[in-house]
Amino acid sequence: MKYRPPIHLHPPLRGTCPKCGARHDPALPHDRDSIYYQLRFHRKYGREPTWADAAAHCAEDVRRACVEKARAAGAPEEITG
């Protein structure tokens, strides 16, 4: 197995989302493309996050719209969930 040095995550900037490090309304999805979100999510769940994961805390209509928008933009199934 290839050696991987540990990655240290600093907390996101004050005033940003504590889960993804982006500035967004708490009712909207996290930034799935944020490196902070991806590393934090992978550390916790052992896999890459999907847009469905990023929107899991949102209302059903927001979750559905988020995934549909990602698919319409050509995002592959593995990142749309």
N, C-alpha and C. Protein backbone atom coordinates (compact mmCIF):
# COMPACT_ATOMS: atom_id res chain seq x y z
N MET A 1 0.84 -1.18 0.00
CA MET A 1 0.00 0.00 0.00
C MET A 1 0.88 1.24 0.00
N LYS A 2 0.53 2.20 -0.81
CA LYS A 2 1.30 3.42 -0.92
C LYS A 2 1.10 4.28 0.32
N TYR A 3 2.19 4.87 0.81
CA TYR A 3 2.13 5.73 1.98
C TYR A 3 1.43 7.04 1.63
N ARG A 4 0.51 7.43 2.47
CA ARG A 4 -0.17 8.72 2.32
C ARG A 4 0.05 9.51 3.59
N PRO A 5 0.73 10.64 3.48
CA PRO A 5 0.92 11.46 4.69
C PRO A 5 -0.43 11.97 5.19
N PRO A 6 -0.55 12.19 6.48
CA PRO A 6 -1.83 12.68 7.01
C PRO A 6 -2.16 14.08 6.49
N ILE A 7 -3.43 14.31 6.33
CA ILE A 7 -3.89 15.63 5.89
C ILE A 7 -4.52 16.30 7.10
N HIS A 8 -4.09 17.50 7.37
CA HIS A 8 -4.63 18.26 8.50
C HIS A 8 -5.59 19.31 7.96
N LEU A 9 -6.81 19.28 8.44
CA LEU A 9 -7.81 20.25 8.03
C LEU A 9 -7.92 21.35 9.07
N HIS A 10 -7.77 22.56 8.62
CA HIS A 10 -8.01 23.70 9.51
C HIS A 10 -9.49 24.02 9.42
N PRO A 11 -10.07 24.54 10.47
CA PRO A 11 -11.49 24.89 10.40
C PRO A 11 -11.75 25.94 9.33
N PRO A 12 -12.95 25.94 8.76
CA PRO A 12 -13.26 26.95 7.75
C PRO A 12 -13.26 28.36 8.35
N LEU A 13 -13.20 29.33 7.49
CA LEU A 13 -13.20 30.72 7.93
C LEU A 13 -14.48 31.06 8.68
N ARG A 14 -14.36 31.97 9.61
CA ARG A 14 -15.52 32.43 10.37
C ARG A 14 -16.55 33.01 9.40
N GLY A 15 -17.80 32.66 9.62
CA GLY A 15 -18.87 33.16 8.76
C GLY A 15 -19.19 32.25 7.59
N THR A 16 -18.44 31.14 7.48
CA THR A 16 -18.73 30.18 6.40
C THR A 16 -19.35 28.93 7.01
N CYS A 17 -19.86 28.08 6.18
CA CYS A 17 -20.49 26.84 6.62
C CYS A 17 -19.45 25.94 7.30
N PRO A 18 -19.73 25.45 8.49
CA PRO A 18 -18.75 24.60 9.18
C PRO A 18 -18.57 23.23 8.54
N LYS A 19 -19.46 22.83 7.64
CA LYS A 19 -19.33 21.52 7.00
C LYS A 19 -18.65 21.56 5.65
N CYS A 20 -18.82 22.67 4.91
CA CYS A 20 -18.22 22.72 3.58
C CYS A 20 -17.28 23.91 3.37
N GLY A 21 -17.31 24.86 4.28
CA GLY A 21 -16.40 26.00 4.17
C GLY A 21 -16.84 27.06 3.18
N ALA A 22 -18.03 26.92 2.61
CA ALA A 22 -18.54 27.90 1.65
C ALA A 22 -19.55 28.82 2.33
N ARG A 23 -19.81 29.93 1.69
CA ARG A 23 -20.86 30.83 2.18
C ARG A 23 -22.14 30.47 1.44
N HIS A 24 -23.11 29.93 2.17
CA HIS A 24 -24.40 29.60 1.57
C HIS A 24 -25.48 29.65 2.63
N ASP A 25 -26.70 29.84 2.18
CA ASP A 25 -27.85 29.81 3.07
C ASP A 25 -27.92 28.41 3.68
N PRO A 26 -28.15 28.29 4.98
CA PRO A 26 -28.21 26.97 5.62
C PRO A 26 -29.28 26.04 5.02
N ALA A 27 -30.28 26.60 4.35
CA ALA A 27 -31.33 25.78 3.74
C ALA A 27 -30.91 25.23 2.38
N LEU A 28 -29.76 25.67 1.87
CA LEU A 28 -29.28 25.22 0.57
C LEU A 28 -28.20 24.16 0.74
N PRO A 29 -27.92 23.38 -0.33
CA PRO A 29 -26.93 22.30 -0.24
C PRO A 29 -25.52 22.81 0.07
N HIS A 30 -24.73 21.92 0.67
CA HIS A 30 -23.31 22.21 0.86
C HIS A 30 -22.64 22.21 -0.50
N ASP A 31 -21.44 22.77 -0.57
CA ASP A 31 -20.68 22.79 -1.81
C ASP A 31 -19.95 21.46 -1.96
N ARG A 32 -20.51 20.56 -2.74
CA ARG A 32 -19.94 19.23 -2.92
C ARG A 32 -18.54 19.30 -3.51
N ASP A 33 -18.25 20.33 -4.27
CA ASP A 33 -16.94 20.47 -4.91
C ASP A 33 -15.89 21.11 -4.01
N SER A 34 -16.28 21.56 -2.84
CA SER A 34 -15.34 22.14 -1.90
C SER A 34 -14.36 21.07 -1.42
N ILE A 35 -13.08 21.36 -1.51
CA ILE A 35 -12.05 20.41 -1.04
C ILE A 35 -12.26 20.11 0.44
N TYR A 36 -12.59 21.13 1.21
CA TYR A 36 -12.83 20.93 2.63
C TYR A 36 -13.97 19.92 2.84
N TYR A 37 -15.08 20.10 2.12
CA TYR A 37 -16.22 19.18 2.26
C TYR A 37 -15.84 17.76 1.82
N GLN A 38 -15.15 17.65 0.70
CA GLN A 38 -14.77 16.33 0.19
C GLN A 38 -13.87 15.59 1.17
N LEU A 39 -12.85 16.27 1.69
CA LEU A 39 -11.93 15.61 2.63
C LEU A 39 -12.63 15.24 3.93
N ARG A 40 -13.44 16.16 4.44
CA ARG A 40 -14.16 15.91 5.69
C ARG A 40 -15.14 14.74 5.52
N PHE A 41 -15.86 14.73 4.41
CA PHE A 41 -16.84 13.68 4.14
C PHE A 41 -16.14 12.33 3.98
N HIS A 42 -15.05 12.31 3.21
CA HIS A 42 -14.31 11.06 2.98
C HIS A 42 -13.74 10.52 4.28
N ARG A 43 -13.25 11.40 5.12
CA ARG A 43 -12.70 10.98 6.41
C ARG A 43 -13.79 10.31 7.26
N LYS A 44 -15.01 10.84 7.21
CA LYS A 44 -16.10 10.32 8.03
C LYS A 44 -16.75 9.07 7.44
N TYR A 45 -16.95 9.04 6.12
CA TYR A 45 -17.72 7.96 5.50
C TYR A 45 -16.89 7.01 4.63
N GLY A 46 -15.65 7.36 4.34
CA GLY A 46 -14.79 6.48 3.54
C GLY A 46 -15.12 6.43 2.07
N ARG A 47 -15.83 7.43 1.57
CA ARG A 47 -16.16 7.49 0.14
C ARG A 47 -16.31 8.95 -0.26
N GLU A 48 -16.38 9.18 -1.57
CA GLU A 48 -16.56 10.52 -2.08
C GLU A 48 -18.02 10.96 -1.91
N PRO A 49 -18.25 12.24 -1.62
CA PRO A 49 -19.63 12.71 -1.47
C PRO A 49 -20.33 12.87 -2.82
N THR A 50 -21.64 12.73 -2.80
CA THR A 50 -22.44 12.97 -3.99
C THR A 50 -23.22 14.27 -3.78
N TRP A 51 -23.86 14.75 -4.83
CA TRP A 51 -24.70 15.94 -4.66
C TRP A 51 -25.88 15.60 -3.76
N ALA A 52 -26.34 14.37 -3.81
CA ALA A 52 -27.43 13.96 -2.90
C ALA A 52 -26.96 14.06 -1.44
N ASP A 53 -25.72 13.69 -1.18
CA ASP A 53 -25.17 13.83 0.18
C ASP A 53 -25.11 15.30 0.58
N ALA A 54 -24.66 16.15 -0.34
CA ALA A 54 -24.51 17.57 -0.04
C ALA A 54 -25.85 18.23 0.25
N ALA A 55 -26.91 17.67 -0.31
CA ALA A 55 -28.25 18.25 -0.13
C ALA A 55 -29.10 17.45 0.86
N ALA A 56 -28.51 16.49 1.54
CA ALA A 56 -29.29 15.60 2.42
C ALA A 56 -30.02 16.35 3.54
N HIS A 57 -29.49 17.48 3.97
CA HIS A 57 -30.12 18.24 5.06
C HIS A 57 -31.20 19.19 4.57
N CYS A 58 -31.39 19.27 3.27
CA CYS A 58 -32.33 20.23 2.68
C CYS A 58 -33.74 19.64 2.57
N ALA A 59 -34.69 20.51 2.30
CA ALA A 59 -36.06 20.08 2.04
C ALA A 59 -36.08 19.21 0.78
N GLU A 60 -37.06 18.34 0.68
CA GLU A 60 -37.14 17.39 -0.45
C GLU A 60 -37.09 18.09 -1.81
N ASP A 61 -37.82 19.18 -1.98
CA ASP A 61 -37.82 19.86 -3.27
C ASP A 61 -36.45 20.44 -3.61
N VAL A 62 -35.71 20.91 -2.61
CA VAL A 62 -34.36 21.44 -2.84
C VAL A 62 -33.41 20.29 -3.19
N ARG A 63 -33.52 19.17 -2.48
CA ARG A 63 -32.68 17.99 -2.79
C ARG A 63 -32.90 17.55 -4.23
N ARG A 64 -34.15 17.42 -4.61
CA ARG A 64 -34.48 16.96 -5.96
C ARG A 64 -33.94 17.93 -7.01
N ALA A 65 -34.14 19.22 -6.79
CA ALA A 65 -33.66 20.24 -7.74
C ALA A 65 -32.13 20.22 -7.85
N CYS A 66 -31.46 20.03 -6.74
CA CYS A 66 -29.99 20.00 -6.74
C CYS A 66 -29.47 18.85 -7.59
N VAL A 67 -30.02 17.67 -7.38
CA VAL A 67 -29.57 16.49 -8.13
C VAL A 67 -29.94 16.63 -9.60
N GLU A 68 -31.14 17.10 -9.89
CA GLU A 68 -31.56 17.28 -11.28
C GLU A 68 -30.67 18.29 -12.00
N LYS A 69 -30.32 19.37 -11.33
CA LYS A 69 -29.45 20.39 -11.93
C LYS A 69 -28.07 19.82 -12.23
N ALA A 70 -27.53 19.03 -11.31
CA ALA A 70 -26.22 18.41 -11.53
C ALA A 70 -26.26 17.44 -12.70
N ARG A 71 -27.33 16.66 -12.79
CA ARG A 71 -27.46 15.72 -13.92
C ARG A 71 -27.62 16.46 -15.24
N ALA A 72 -28.41 17.54 -15.23
CA ALA A 72 -28.61 18.32 -16.46
C ALA A 72 -27.30 18.94 -16.93
N ALA A 73 -26.41 19.24 -15.98
CA ALA A 73 -25.11 19.82 -16.32
C ALA A 73 -24.11 18.76 -16.77
N GLY A 74 -24.55 17.49 -16.77
CA GLY A 74 -23.69 16.41 -17.25
C GLY A 74 -22.89 15.69 -16.19
N ALA A 75 -23.23 15.92 -14.91
CA ALA A 75 -22.51 15.24 -13.83
C ALA A 75 -22.81 13.74 -13.90
N PRO A 76 -21.78 12.91 -13.78
CA PRO A 76 -22.02 11.46 -13.83
C PRO A 76 -22.80 10.96 -12.62
N GLU A 77 -23.40 9.80 -12.78
CA GLU A 77 -24.24 9.20 -11.75
C GLU A 77 -23.51 9.06 -10.41
N GLU A 78 -22.22 8.76 -10.44
CA GLU A 78 -21.50 8.56 -9.18
C GLU A 78 -21.39 9.82 -8.32
N ILE A 79 -21.57 10.99 -8.92
CA ILE A 79 -21.55 12.19 -8.07
C ILE A 79 -22.93 12.85 -7.92
N THR A 80 -23.94 12.29 -8.56
CA THR A 80 -25.27 12.84 -8.37
C THR A 80 -26.06 12.04 -7.35
N GLY A 81 -25.69 10.79 -7.16
CA GLY A 81 -26.32 9.98 -6.13
C GLY A 81 -27.52 9.32 -6.59
